[in-house]
Amino acid sequence: MFSLWHWIIVLIIVVLVFGTKKLRNVGKDLGGAVHDFKQGLNEGTDGKKDEVIEHKKDEDKA
C-alpha cells in the first residue's frame, strides 16, 4: 500500500511540523506511561499470587 518513500516523506513532514524537541518529549512521556502501565499490571498480579499462596498454605494446614 505505502512504499518506504511514503513513510520517509511523512516522517520528514512530522519532524518539520513538530520539531525534534517536541517529538522527543512525546516519546519520553509515552515511554513513561507504558512503563507505569506495565508496572501497575505486575503489581496487581503479584498481590493475587500472594493471596493464592497464602490460601494454599491455609488449606495444607487444615
PDB file of N, CA and C in Angstrom:
ATOM      1  N   MET A   1       0.826  -1.182   0.000  1.00  0.00           N
ATOM      2  CA  MET A   1       0.000   0.000   0.000  1.00  0.00           C
ATOM      3  C   MET A   1       0.874   1.250   0.000  1.00  0.00           C
ATOM      4  N   PHE A   2       1.693   1.422   1.032  1.00  0.00           N
ATOM      5  CA  PHE A   2       2.607   2.556   1.071  1.00  0.00           C
ATOM      6  C   PHE A   2       4.030   2.041   0.919  1.00  0.00           C
ATOM      7  N   SER A   3       4.786   2.726   0.129  1.00  0.00           N
ATOM      8  CA  SER A   3       6.174   2.316  -0.044  1.00  0.00           C
ATOM      9  C   SER A   3       7.034   2.984   1.031  1.00  0.00           C
ATOM     10  N   LEU A   4       8.275   2.624   1.044  1.00  0.00           N
ATOM     11  CA  LEU A   4       9.218   3.197   2.004  1.00  0.00           C
ATOM     12  C   LEU A   4       9.331   4.701   1.817  1.00  0.00           C
ATOM     13  N   TRP A   5       9.284   5.159   0.589  1.00  0.00           N
ATOM     14  CA  TRP A   5       9.404   6.598   0.321  1.00  0.00           C
ATOM     15  C   TRP A   5       8.242   7.384   0.911  1.00  0.00           C
ATOM     16  N   HIS A   6       7.056   6.810   0.899  1.00  0.00           N
ATOM     17  CA  HIS A   6       5.906   7.483   1.510  1.00  0.00           C
ATOM     18  C   HIS A   6       6.146   7.706   3.000  1.00  0.00           C
ATOM     19  N   TRP A   7       6.635   6.674   3.683  1.00  0.00           N
ATOM     20  CA  TRP A   7       6.879   6.788   5.124  1.00  0.00           C
ATOM     21  C   TRP A   7       7.992   7.785   5.425  1.00  0.00           C
ATOM     22  N   ILE A   8       9.016   7.822   4.599  1.00  0.00           N
ATOM     23  CA  ILE A   8      10.110   8.781   4.796  1.00  0.00           C
ATOM     24  C   ILE A   8       9.598  10.207   4.640  1.00  0.00           C
ATOM     25  N   ILE A   9       8.774  10.446   3.635  1.00  0.00           N
ATOM     26  CA  ILE A   9       8.216  11.785   3.417  1.00  0.00           C
ATOM     27  C   ILE A   9       7.319  12.188   4.587  1.00  0.00           C
ATOM     28  N   VAL A  10       6.496  11.267   5.061  1.00  0.00           N
ATOM     29  CA  VAL A  10       5.631  11.557   6.212  1.00  0.00           C
ATOM     30  C   VAL A  10       6.472  11.874   7.440  1.00  0.00           C
ATOM     31  N   LEU A  11       7.522  11.120   7.672  1.00  0.00           N
ATOM     32  CA  LEU A  11       8.408  11.362   8.809  1.00  0.00           C
ATOM     33  C   LEU A  11       9.059  12.734   8.723  1.00  0.00           C
ATOM     34  N   ILE A  12       9.521  13.117   7.550  1.00  0.00           N
ATOM     35  CA  ILE A  12      10.139  14.437   7.362  1.00  0.00           C
ATOM     36  C   ILE A  12       9.126  15.548   7.642  1.00  0.00           C
ATOM     37  N   ILE A  13       7.914  15.389   7.164  1.00  0.00           N
ATOM     38  CA  ILE A  13       6.877  16.404   7.397  1.00  0.00           C
ATOM     39  C   ILE A  13       6.554  16.513   8.888  1.00  0.00           C
ATOM     40  N   VAL A  14       6.445  15.383   9.569  1.00  0.00           N
ATOM     41  CA  VAL A  14       6.153  15.401  11.007  1.00  0.00           C
ATOM     42  C   VAL A  14       7.270  16.090  11.771  1.00  0.00           C
ATOM     43  N   VAL A  15       8.519  15.806  11.428  1.00  0.00           N
ATOM     44  CA  VAL A  15       9.655  16.448  12.098  1.00  0.00           C
ATOM     45  C   VAL A  15       9.649  17.947  11.834  1.00  0.00           C
ATOM     46  N   LEU A  16       9.336  18.354  10.617  1.00  0.00           N
ATOM     47  CA  LEU A  16       9.295  19.780  10.302  1.00  0.00           C
ATOM     48  C   LEU A  16       8.165  20.494  11.042  1.00  0.00           C
ATOM     49  N   VAL A  17       7.028  19.846  11.175  1.00  0.00           N
ATOM     50  CA  VAL A  17       5.880  20.483  11.822  1.00  0.00           C
ATOM     51  C   VAL A  17       6.068  20.562  13.339  1.00  0.00           C
ATOM     52  N   PHE A  18       6.468  19.468  13.956  1.00  0.00           N
ATOM     53  CA  PHE A  18       6.534  19.420  15.414  1.00  0.00           C
ATOM     54  C   PHE A  18       7.913  19.739  15.970  1.00  0.00           C
ATOM     55  N   GLY A  19       8.945  19.500  15.223  1.00  0.00           N
ATOM     56  CA  GLY A  19      10.297  19.718  15.721  1.00  0.00           C
ATOM     57  C   GLY A  19      10.788  18.518  16.514  1.00  0.00           C
ATOM     58  N   THR A  20      12.097  18.375  16.583  1.00  0.00           N
ATOM     59  CA  THR A  20      12.667  17.195  17.234  1.00  0.00           C
ATOM     60  C   THR A  20      12.503  17.240  18.747  1.00  0.00           C
ATOM     61  N   LYS A  21      12.562  18.427  19.345  1.00  0.00           N
ATOM     62  CA  LYS A  21      12.455  18.515  20.803  1.00  0.00           C
ATOM     63  C   LYS A  21      11.075  18.078  21.276  1.00  0.00           C
ATOM     64  N   LYS A  22      10.049  18.543  20.600  1.00  0.00           N
ATOM     65  CA  LYS A  22       8.689  18.181  20.991  1.00  0.00           C
ATOM     66  C   LYS A  22       8.447  16.688  20.777  1.00  0.00           C
ATOM     67  N   LEU A  23       8.961  16.145  19.676  1.00  0.00           N
ATOM     68  CA  LEU A  23       8.806  14.709  19.425  1.00  0.00           C
ATOM     69  C   LEU A  23       9.542  13.885  20.479  1.00  0.00           C
ATOM     70  N   ARG A  24      10.702  14.352  20.901  1.00  0.00           N
ATOM     71  CA  ARG A  24      11.466  13.661  21.934  1.00  0.00           C
ATOM     72  C   ARG A  24      10.676  13.641  23.242  1.00  0.00           C
ATOM     73  N   ASN A  25      10.052  14.770  23.579  1.00  0.00           N
ATOM     74  CA  ASN A  25       9.257  14.837  24.806  1.00  0.00           C
ATOM     75  C   ASN A  25       8.038  13.924  24.729  1.00  0.00           C
ATOM     76  N   VAL A  26       7.407  13.876  23.571  1.00  0.00           N
ATOM     77  CA  VAL A  26       6.249  13.000  23.396  1.00  0.00           C
ATOM     78  C   VAL A  26       6.678  11.543  23.548  1.00  0.00           C
ATOM     79  N   GLY A  27       7.798  11.181  22.949  1.00  0.00           N
ATOM     80  CA  GLY A  27       8.302   9.816  23.069  1.00  0.00           C
ATOM     81  C   GLY A  27       8.648   9.458  24.500  1.00  0.00           C
ATOM     82  N   LYS A  28       9.236  10.397  25.202  1.00  0.00           N
ATOM     83  CA  LYS A  28       9.608  10.182  26.602  1.00  0.00           C
ATOM     84  C   LYS A  28       8.358   9.988  27.461  1.00  0.00           C
ATOM     85  N   ASP A  29       7.353  10.828  27.250  1.00  0.00           N
ATOM     86  CA  ASP A  29       6.106  10.715  28.006  1.00  0.00           C
ATOM     87  C   ASP A  29       5.383   9.410  27.700  1.00  0.00           C
ATOM     88  N   LEU A  30       5.365   9.037  26.434  1.00  0.00           N
ATOM     89  CA  LEU A  30       4.705   7.797  26.038  1.00  0.00           C
ATOM     90  C   LEU A  30       5.423   6.583  26.633  1.00  0.00           C
ATOM     91  N   GLY A  31       6.745   6.600  26.596  1.00  0.00           N
ATOM     92  CA  GLY A  31       7.517   5.511  27.182  1.00  0.00           C
ATOM     93  C   GLY A  31       7.292   5.398  28.681  1.00  0.00           C
ATOM     94  N   GLY A  32       7.235   6.539  29.356  1.00  0.00           N
ATOM     95  CA  GLY A  32       6.971   6.533  30.795  1.00  0.00           C
ATOM     96  C   GLY A  32       5.583   5.993  31.111  1.00  0.00           C
ATOM     97  N   ALA A  33       4.612   6.357  30.293  1.00  0.00           N
ATOM     98  CA  ALA A  33       3.248   5.878  30.510  1.00  0.00           C
ATOM     99  C   ALA A  33       3.162   4.365  30.318  1.00  0.00           C
ATOM    100  N   VAL A  34       3.820   3.858  29.289  1.00  0.00           N
ATOM    101  CA  VAL A  34       3.818   2.411  29.041  1.00  0.00           C
ATOM    102  C   VAL A  34       4.515   1.684  30.188  1.00  0.00           C
ATOM    103  N   HIS A  35       5.628   2.230  30.658  1.00  0.00           N
ATOM    104  CA  HIS A  35       6.366   1.626  31.771  1.00  0.00           C
ATOM    105  C   HIS A  35       5.504   1.579  33.030  1.00  0.00           C
ATOM    106  N   ASP A  36       4.845   2.685  33.356  1.00  0.00           N
ATOM    107  CA  ASP A  36       3.986   2.731  34.533  1.00  0.00           C
ATOM    108  C   ASP A  36       2.808   1.771  34.399  1.00  0.00           C
ATOM    109  N   PHE A  37       2.262   1.659  33.197  1.00  0.00           N
ATOM    110  CA  PHE A  37       1.149   0.741  32.962  1.00  0.00           C
ATOM    111  C   PHE A  37       1.579  -0.705  33.197  1.00  0.00           C
ATOM    112  N   LYS A  38       2.728  -1.082  32.646  1.00  0.00           N
ATOM    113  CA  LYS A  38       3.228  -2.449  32.838  1.00  0.00           C
ATOM    114  C   LYS A  38       3.537  -2.713  34.304  1.00  0.00           C
ATOM    115  N   GLN A  39       4.104  -1.725  34.982  1.00  0.00           N
ATOM    116  CA  GLN A  39       4.422  -1.873  36.399  1.00  0.00           C
ATOM    117  C   GLN A  39       3.134  -2.049  37.204  1.00  0.00           C
ATOM    118  N   GLY A  40       2.099  -1.303  36.849  1.00  0.00           N
ATOM    119  CA  GLY A  40       0.816  -1.443  37.522  1.00  0.00           C
ATOM    120  C   GLY A  40       0.201  -2.817  37.307  1.00  0.00           C
ATOM    121  N   LEU A  41       0.336  -3.346  36.108  1.00  0.00           N
ATOM    122  CA  LEU A  41      -0.174  -4.692  35.842  1.00  0.00           C
ATOM    123  C   LEU A  41       0.564  -5.725  36.676  1.00  0.00           C
ATOM    124  N   ASN A  42       1.876  -5.590  36.764  1.00  0.00           N
ATOM    125  CA  ASN A  42       2.665  -6.535  37.546  1.00  0.00           C
ATOM    126  C   ASN A  42       2.337  -6.440  39.028  1.00  0.00           C
ATOM    127  N   GLU A  43       2.135  -5.237  39.542  1.00  0.00           N
ATOM    128  CA  GLU A  43       1.794  -5.078  40.949  1.00  0.00           C
ATOM    129  C   GLU A  43       0.430  -5.685  41.240  1.00  0.00           C
ATOM    130  N   GLY A  44      -0.490  -5.546  40.312  1.00  0.00           N
ATOM    131  CA  GLY A  44      -1.826  -6.102  40.508  1.00  0.00           C
ATOM    132  C   GLY A  44      -1.815  -7.617  40.553  1.00  0.00           C
ATOM    133  N   THR A  45      -1.012  -8.252  39.738  1.00  0.00           N
ATOM    134  CA  THR A  45      -0.982  -9.712  39.720  1.00  0.00           C
ATOM    135  C   THR A  45      -0.161 -10.269  40.870  1.00  0.00           C
ATOM    136  N   ASP A  46       0.836  -9.538  41.357  1.00  0.00           N
ATOM    137  CA  ASP A  46       1.656 -10.025  42.466  1.00  0.00           C
ATOM    138  C   ASP A  46       0.816 -10.212  43.719  1.00  0.00           C
ATOM    139  N   GLY A  47      -0.075  -9.295  43.983  1.00  0.00           N
ATOM    140  CA  GLY A  47      -0.930  -9.408  45.159  1.00  0.00           C
ATOM    141  C   GLY A  47      -1.819 -10.631  45.089  1.00  0.00           C
ATOM    142  N   LYS A  48      -2.349 -10.930  43.929  1.00  0.00           N
ATOM    143  CA  LYS A  48      -3.214 -12.097  43.772  1.00  0.00           C
ATOM    144  C   LYS A  48      -2.417 -13.382  43.942  1.00  0.00           C
ATOM    145  N   LYS A  49      -1.196 -13.411  43.450  1.00  0.00           N
ATOM    146  CA  LYS A  49      -0.367 -14.599  43.610  1.00  0.00           C
ATOM    147  C   LYS A  49      -0.092 -14.847  45.084  1.00  0.00           C
ATOM    148  N   ASP A  50       0.186 -13.778  45.841  1.00  0.00           N
ATOM    149  CA  ASP A  50       0.441 -13.923  47.270  1.00  0.00           C
ATOM    150  C   ASP A  50      -0.794 -14.451  47.989  1.00  0.00           C
ATOM    151  N   GLU A  51      -1.983 -13.970  47.600  1.00  0.00           N
ATOM    152  CA  GLU A  51      -3.212 -14.441  48.222  1.00  0.00           C
ATOM    153  C   GLU A  51      -3.429 -15.918  47.943  1.00  0.00           C
ATOM    154  N   VAL A  52      -3.147 -16.357  46.729  1.00  0.00           N
ATOM    155  CA  VAL A  52      -3.320 -17.764  46.368  1.00  0.00           C
ATOM    156  C   VAL A  52      -2.347 -18.621  47.153  1.00  0.00           C
ATOM    157  N   ILE A  53      -1.111 -18.174  47.278  1.00  0.00           N
ATOM    158  CA  ILE A  53      -0.108 -18.934  48.030  1.00  0.00           C
ATOM    159  C   ILE A  53      -0.529 -19.044  49.488  1.00  0.00           C
ATOM    160  N   GLU A  54      -0.986 -17.944  50.096  1.00  0.00           N
ATOM    161  CA  GLU A  54      -1.417 -17.980  51.490  1.00  0.00           C
ATOM    162  C   GLU A  54      -2.628 -18.888  51.652  1.00  0.00           C
ATOM    163  N   HIS A  55      -3.553 -18.853  50.703  1.00  0.00           N
ATOM    164  CA  HIS A  55      -4.743 -19.687  50.764  1.00  0.00           C
ATOM    165  C   HIS A  55      -4.358 -21.162  50.689  1.00  0.00           C
ATOM    166  N   LYS A  56      -3.413 -21.499  49.833  1.00  0.00           N
ATOM    167  CA  LYS A  56      -2.973 -22.893  49.716  1.00  0.00           C
ATOM    168  C   LYS A  56      -2.280 -23.340  50.999  1.00  0.00           C
ATOM    169  N   LYS A  57      -1.500 -22.448  51.628  1.00  0.00           N
ATOM    170  CA  LYS A  57      -0.840 -22.796  52.889  1.00  0.00           C
ATOM    171  C   LYS A  57      -1.877 -23.086  53.961  1.00  0.00           C
ATOM    172  N   ASP A  58      -2.950 -22.282  54.001  1.00  0.00           N
ATOM    173  CA  ASP A  58      -4.011 -22.495  54.981  1.00  0.00           C
ATOM    174  C   ASP A  58      -4.711 -23.825  54.738  1.00  0.00           C
ATOM    175  N   GLU A  59      -4.929 -24.195  53.476  1.00  0.00           N
ATOM    176  CA  GLU A  59      -5.571 -25.467  53.157  1.00  0.00           C
ATOM    177  C   GLU A  59      -4.680 -26.638  53.547  1.00  0.00           C
ATOM    178  N   ASP A  60      -3.367 -26.505  53.354  1.00  0.00           N
ATOM    179  CA  ASP A  60      -2.445 -27.577  53.696  1.00  0.00           C
ATOM    180  C   ASP A  60      -2.418 -27.816  55.201  1.00  0.00           C
ATOM    181  N   LYS A  61      -2.552 -26.755  55.983  1.00  0.00           N
ATOM    182  CA  LYS A  61      -2.537 -26.883  57.440  1.00  0.00           C
ATOM    183  C   LYS A  61      -3.808 -27.558  57.944  1.00  0.00           C
ATOM    184  N   ALA A  62      -4.918 -27.386  57.246  1.00  0.00           N
ATOM    185  CA  ALA A  62      -6.208 -27.917  57.713  1.00  0.00           C
ATOM    186  C   ALA A  62      -6.361 -29.395  57.484  1.00  0.00           C
TER     187      ALA A  62
END
